[in-house]
Amino acid sequence: MITVTVFNKNNKIVGVQLEGHAEFGRKGRDIVCSAVSILYINLVNSLESFTKDEKELNGDKKINFQNVILKSMPSPEAELLFQSFMLGITTIEQKYGRKYILILNQEV
């Protein structure tokens, strides 16, 4: 299962962390993992291209772990990008279920 932890501060998303593997399909054919991965990659690339928000990126492919954390409160642009990411992630969770993806919220 993929666990998506959403880090919130003062009702604003300041980061997300992805852990695990959906195991919806065999390696290279897992459409849930692919969908989550592209949403995350697009979020990181969009934060880089369309905002000036400073961020910290960490990851380890061996243990299927990725995160992006802003170093301060999000700009309006970053806030919109995080909301777009959440729309995609919650849609995947609704479509495929919590057996494959679980979204958690954490106040920081």
N, C-alpha and C. Protein backbone atom coordinates (compact mmCIF):
# COMPACT_ATOMS: atom_id res chain seq x y z
N MET A 1 0.84 -1.18 0.00
CA MET A 1 0.00 0.00 0.00
C MET A 1 0.88 1.24 0.00
N ILE A 2 0.44 2.26 -0.72
CA ILE A 2 1.11 3.56 -0.70
C ILE A 2 0.47 4.38 0.40
N THR A 3 1.29 4.93 1.27
CA THR A 3 0.80 5.85 2.29
C THR A 3 1.25 7.25 1.89
N VAL A 4 0.27 8.15 1.76
CA VAL A 4 0.52 9.55 1.45
C VAL A 4 0.27 10.32 2.73
N THR A 5 1.31 10.90 3.30
CA THR A 5 1.16 11.74 4.48
C THR A 5 1.21 13.19 4.03
N VAL A 6 0.17 13.93 4.39
CA VAL A 6 0.04 15.34 4.04
C VAL A 6 0.38 16.15 5.28
N PHE A 7 1.39 17.00 5.18
CA PHE A 7 1.81 17.83 6.30
C PHE A 7 1.10 19.18 6.21
N ASN A 8 0.39 19.51 7.27
CA ASN A 8 -0.40 20.75 7.32
C ASN A 8 0.12 21.66 8.43
N LYS A 9 0.09 22.95 8.15
CA LYS A 9 0.44 23.96 9.16
C LYS A 9 -0.55 25.11 8.99
N ASN A 10 -1.29 25.42 10.04
CA ASN A 10 -2.29 26.49 10.00
C ASN A 10 -3.26 26.31 8.82
N ASN A 11 -3.74 25.08 8.65
CA ASN A 11 -4.70 24.75 7.59
C ASN A 11 -4.17 24.92 6.17
N LYS A 12 -2.87 24.89 6.01
CA LYS A 12 -2.24 24.97 4.69
C LYS A 12 -1.33 23.75 4.53
N ILE A 13 -1.31 23.19 3.34
CA ILE A 13 -0.40 22.07 3.07
C ILE A 13 1.00 22.63 2.87
N VAL A 14 1.96 22.07 3.62
CA VAL A 14 3.35 22.51 3.50
C VAL A 14 4.25 21.39 3.01
N GLY A 15 3.69 20.20 2.78
CA GLY A 15 4.50 19.10 2.28
C GLY A 15 3.71 17.82 2.16
N VAL A 16 4.30 16.88 1.43
CA VAL A 16 3.73 15.54 1.30
C VAL A 16 4.85 14.51 1.33
N GLN A 17 4.50 13.35 1.82
CA GLN A 17 5.44 12.23 1.88
C GLN A 17 4.75 11.00 1.31
N LEU A 18 5.45 10.28 0.45
CA LEU A 18 4.95 9.04 -0.13
C LEU A 18 5.83 7.90 0.37
N GLU A 19 5.18 6.82 0.79
CA GLU A 19 5.90 5.63 1.23
C GLU A 19 5.20 4.39 0.71
N GLY A 20 5.96 3.39 0.36
CA GLY A 20 5.40 2.09 0.02
C GLY A 20 5.15 1.90 -1.46
N HIS A 21 4.44 0.82 -1.73
CA HIS A 21 4.13 0.41 -3.10
C HIS A 21 2.70 -0.09 -3.11
N ALA A 22 1.92 0.28 -4.11
CA ALA A 22 0.50 -0.09 -4.15
C ALA A 22 0.31 -1.60 -4.30
N GLU A 23 1.16 -2.24 -5.10
CA GLU A 23 1.02 -3.66 -5.40
C GLU A 23 -0.33 -3.99 -6.01
N PHE A 24 -0.83 -3.06 -6.81
CA PHE A 24 -2.07 -3.27 -7.57
C PHE A 24 -1.83 -4.23 -8.72
N GLY A 25 -0.64 -4.12 -9.32
CA GLY A 25 -0.26 -4.97 -10.44
C GLY A 25 1.20 -5.33 -10.32
N ARG A 26 1.67 -6.16 -11.24
CA ARG A 26 3.07 -6.58 -11.18
C ARG A 26 3.99 -5.39 -11.48
N LYS A 27 5.24 -5.54 -11.10
CA LYS A 27 6.23 -4.49 -11.29
C LYS A 27 6.26 -4.04 -12.75
N GLY A 28 6.19 -2.74 -12.94
CA GLY A 28 6.18 -2.18 -14.29
C GLY A 28 4.79 -2.08 -14.90
N ARG A 29 3.80 -2.66 -14.25
CA ARG A 29 2.42 -2.64 -14.76
C ARG A 29 1.43 -2.14 -13.71
N ASP A 30 1.95 -1.57 -12.63
CA ASP A 30 1.10 -1.13 -11.52
C ASP A 30 0.56 0.27 -11.82
N ILE A 31 -0.70 0.34 -12.27
CA ILE A 31 -1.26 1.63 -12.68
C ILE A 31 -1.50 2.57 -11.51
N VAL A 32 -1.72 2.03 -10.31
CA VAL A 32 -1.90 2.90 -9.14
C VAL A 32 -0.58 3.56 -8.80
N CYS A 33 0.49 2.79 -8.75
CA CYS A 33 1.82 3.37 -8.49
C CYS A 33 2.20 4.38 -9.57
N SER A 34 1.91 4.05 -10.80
CA SER A 34 2.23 4.97 -11.89
C SER A 34 1.49 6.29 -11.74
N ALA A 35 0.21 6.21 -11.42
CA ALA A 35 -0.60 7.42 -11.27
C ALA A 35 -0.09 8.28 -10.12
N VAL A 36 0.19 7.66 -8.98
CA VAL A 36 0.69 8.40 -7.82
C VAL A 36 2.06 9.00 -8.13
N SER A 37 2.91 8.24 -8.78
CA SER A 37 4.25 8.73 -9.12
C SER A 37 4.19 9.95 -10.03
N ILE A 38 3.37 9.90 -11.05
CA ILE A 38 3.32 11.04 -11.96
C ILE A 38 2.72 12.27 -11.28
N LEU A 39 1.75 12.07 -10.40
CA LEU A 39 1.22 13.22 -9.67
C LEU A 39 2.30 13.85 -8.80
N TYR A 40 3.10 13.01 -8.13
CA TYR A 40 4.17 13.53 -7.28
C TYR A 40 5.24 14.23 -8.12
N ILE A 41 5.68 13.60 -9.19
CA ILE A 41 6.70 14.20 -10.05
C ILE A 41 6.20 15.54 -10.62
N ASN A 42 4.94 15.57 -11.03
CA ASN A 42 4.37 16.81 -11.55
C ASN A 42 4.30 17.89 -10.47
N LEU A 43 3.96 17.49 -9.24
CA LEU A 43 3.94 18.45 -8.14
C LEU A 43 5.32 19.06 -7.93
N VAL A 44 6.33 18.23 -7.83
CA VAL A 44 7.70 18.72 -7.60
C VAL A 44 8.16 19.61 -8.75
N ASN A 45 7.94 19.15 -9.99
CA ASN A 45 8.34 19.95 -11.14
C ASN A 45 7.58 21.27 -11.21
N SER A 46 6.30 21.25 -10.88
CA SER A 46 5.49 22.47 -10.92
C SER A 46 5.91 23.44 -9.83
N LEU A 47 6.21 22.92 -8.63
CA LEU A 47 6.70 23.80 -7.56
C LEU A 47 8.00 24.48 -7.99
N GLU A 48 8.85 23.72 -8.66
CA GLU A 48 10.13 24.26 -9.14
C GLU A 48 9.92 25.29 -10.26
N SER A 49 9.01 25.00 -11.18
CA SER A 49 8.84 25.85 -12.36
C SER A 49 7.96 27.07 -12.13
N PHE A 50 6.97 26.94 -11.27
CA PHE A 50 5.95 27.99 -11.17
C PHE A 50 5.92 28.75 -9.84
N THR A 51 6.83 28.39 -8.91
CA THR A 51 6.86 29.11 -7.63
C THR A 51 8.30 29.45 -7.27
N LYS A 52 8.44 30.29 -6.28
CA LYS A 52 9.75 30.61 -5.73
C LYS A 52 9.90 30.01 -4.34
N ASP A 53 8.95 29.16 -3.95
CA ASP A 53 8.98 28.54 -2.63
C ASP A 53 10.22 27.64 -2.49
N GLU A 54 10.93 27.80 -1.37
CA GLU A 54 12.07 26.94 -1.10
C GLU A 54 11.54 25.63 -0.53
N LYS A 55 12.14 24.53 -1.00
CA LYS A 55 11.66 23.23 -0.58
C LYS A 55 12.82 22.30 -0.29
N GLU A 56 12.50 21.25 0.43
CA GLU A 56 13.45 20.19 0.72
C GLU A 56 12.90 18.91 0.11
N LEU A 57 13.74 18.22 -0.66
CA LEU A 57 13.36 16.95 -1.28
C LEU A 57 14.20 15.84 -0.68
N ASN A 58 13.54 14.73 -0.36
CA ASN A 58 14.24 13.55 0.13
C ASN A 58 13.63 12.33 -0.54
N GLY A 59 14.43 11.33 -0.74
CA GLY A 59 13.90 10.11 -1.32
C GLY A 59 14.87 8.96 -1.24
N ASP A 60 14.32 7.77 -1.38
CA ASP A 60 15.11 6.55 -1.41
C ASP A 60 14.33 5.51 -2.20
N LYS A 61 14.77 5.25 -3.42
CA LYS A 61 14.07 4.30 -4.30
C LYS A 61 14.05 2.89 -3.72
N LYS A 62 15.06 2.54 -2.95
CA LYS A 62 15.13 1.18 -2.39
C LYS A 62 13.97 0.88 -1.45
N ILE A 63 13.51 1.90 -0.72
CA ILE A 63 12.40 1.67 0.21
C ILE A 63 11.14 2.41 -0.23
N ASN A 64 11.09 2.84 -1.49
CA ASN A 64 9.92 3.52 -2.04
C ASN A 64 9.46 4.67 -1.15
N PHE A 65 10.35 5.65 -0.97
CA PHE A 65 10.09 6.80 -0.11
C PHE A 65 10.45 8.08 -0.85
N GLN A 66 9.52 9.04 -0.86
CA GLN A 66 9.76 10.36 -1.46
C GLN A 66 9.04 11.40 -0.62
N ASN A 67 9.63 12.56 -0.46
CA ASN A 67 8.88 13.66 0.15
C ASN A 67 9.34 15.00 -0.37
N VAL A 68 8.44 15.95 -0.26
CA VAL A 68 8.73 17.35 -0.58
C VAL A 68 8.12 18.17 0.55
N ILE A 69 8.96 19.01 1.18
CA ILE A 69 8.52 19.83 2.30
C ILE A 69 8.95 21.27 2.01
N LEU A 70 8.01 22.20 2.14
CA LEU A 70 8.35 23.61 1.98
C LEU A 70 9.06 24.11 3.22
N LYS A 71 9.97 25.04 3.04
CA LYS A 71 10.73 25.59 4.17
C LYS A 71 10.00 26.72 4.86
N SER A 72 8.88 27.18 4.28
CA SER A 72 8.06 28.21 4.90
C SER A 72 6.61 27.99 4.46
N MET A 73 5.75 28.87 4.86
CA MET A 73 4.35 28.74 4.46
C MET A 73 4.25 28.86 2.94
N PRO A 74 3.29 28.15 2.34
CA PRO A 74 3.20 28.14 0.88
C PRO A 74 2.72 29.46 0.30
N SER A 75 3.29 29.78 -0.85
CA SER A 75 2.78 30.91 -1.62
C SER A 75 1.41 30.52 -2.16
N PRO A 76 0.62 31.48 -2.65
CA PRO A 76 -0.67 31.12 -3.26
C PRO A 76 -0.51 30.11 -4.41
N GLU A 77 0.56 30.24 -5.17
CA GLU A 77 0.79 29.31 -6.28
C GLU A 77 1.07 27.90 -5.77
N ALA A 78 1.91 27.80 -4.76
CA ALA A 78 2.23 26.49 -4.18
C ALA A 78 0.99 25.87 -3.55
N GLU A 79 0.20 26.70 -2.90
CA GLU A 79 -1.03 26.20 -2.29
C GLU A 79 -1.95 25.58 -3.35
N LEU A 80 -2.08 26.24 -4.48
CA LEU A 80 -2.90 25.71 -5.57
C LEU A 80 -2.32 24.40 -6.11
N LEU A 81 -1.01 24.32 -6.24
CA LEU A 81 -0.38 23.10 -6.73
C LEU A 81 -0.60 21.94 -5.76
N PHE A 82 -0.49 22.19 -4.47
CA PHE A 82 -0.75 21.15 -3.48
C PHE A 82 -2.22 20.71 -3.53
N GLN A 83 -3.13 21.67 -3.70
CA GLN A 83 -4.55 21.32 -3.79
C GLN A 83 -4.82 20.47 -5.03
N SER A 84 -4.17 20.78 -6.13
CA SER A 84 -4.31 19.99 -7.35
C SER A 84 -3.79 18.57 -7.13
N PHE A 85 -2.64 18.45 -6.49
CA PHE A 85 -2.09 17.14 -6.15
C PHE A 85 -3.08 16.34 -5.31
N MET A 86 -3.68 17.01 -4.31
CA MET A 86 -4.63 16.33 -3.43
C MET A 86 -5.88 15.89 -4.18
N LEU A 87 -6.32 16.68 -5.13
CA LEU A 87 -7.48 16.28 -5.94
C LEU A 87 -7.17 14.97 -6.67
N GLY A 88 -6.00 14.88 -7.26
CA GLY A 88 -5.61 13.66 -7.97
C GLY A 88 -5.46 12.47 -7.03
N ILE A 89 -4.79 12.67 -5.91
CA ILE A 89 -4.56 11.57 -4.96
C ILE A 89 -5.87 11.07 -4.36
N THR A 90 -6.75 11.97 -3.97
CA THR A 90 -8.03 11.53 -3.38
C THR A 90 -8.90 10.83 -4.42
N THR A 91 -8.81 11.24 -5.67
CA THR A 91 -9.55 10.56 -6.73
C THR A 91 -9.05 9.13 -6.89
N ILE A 92 -7.74 8.93 -6.84
CA ILE A 92 -7.17 7.58 -6.92
C ILE A 92 -7.61 6.75 -5.73
N GLU A 93 -7.58 7.34 -4.54
CA GLU A 93 -8.01 6.62 -3.33
C GLU A 93 -9.48 6.20 -3.45
N GLN A 94 -10.33 7.10 -3.94
CA GLN A 94 -11.75 6.77 -4.10
C GLN A 94 -11.96 5.69 -5.14
N LYS A 95 -11.21 5.74 -6.23
CA LYS A 95 -11.38 4.79 -7.33
C LYS A 95 -10.87 3.38 -6.98
N TYR A 96 -9.68 3.31 -6.36
CA TYR A 96 -9.04 2.01 -6.13
C TYR A 96 -9.11 1.51 -4.69
N GLY A 97 -9.40 2.40 -3.76
CA GLY A 97 -9.61 1.99 -2.38
C GLY A 97 -8.37 2.03 -1.51
N ARG A 98 -8.63 1.95 -0.22
CA ARG A 98 -7.57 2.05 0.78
C ARG A 98 -6.71 0.80 0.88
N LYS A 99 -7.06 -0.20 0.12
CA LYS A 99 -6.19 -1.38 0.07
C LYS A 99 -4.88 -1.02 -0.64
N TYR A 100 -4.93 -0.03 -1.54
CA TYR A 100 -3.77 0.33 -2.36
C TYR A 100 -3.18 1.68 -2.02
N ILE A 101 -3.99 2.59 -1.50
CA ILE A 101 -3.50 3.94 -1.17
C ILE A 101 -4.25 4.47 0.04
N LEU A 102 -3.51 5.04 0.96
CA LEU A 102 -4.08 5.59 2.20
C LEU A 102 -3.54 7.00 2.36
N ILE A 103 -4.42 7.96 2.60
CA ILE A 103 -4.03 9.35 2.79
C ILE A 103 -4.18 9.70 4.26
N LEU A 104 -3.10 10.20 4.85
CA LEU A 104 -3.08 10.61 6.25
C LEU A 104 -2.74 12.09 6.32
N ASN A 105 -3.29 12.77 7.31
CA ASN A 105 -2.98 14.19 7.53
C ASN A 105 -2.20 14.31 8.84
N GLN A 106 -1.18 15.16 8.83
CA GLN A 106 -0.37 15.37 10.02
C GLN A 106 -0.12 16.85 10.20
N GLU A 107 -0.45 17.36 11.36
CA GLU A 107 -0.20 18.77 11.69
C GLU A 107 1.27 18.92 12.10
N VAL A 108 1.93 19.94 11.56
CA VAL A 108 3.34 20.18 11.91
C VAL A 108 3.51 21.55 12.52
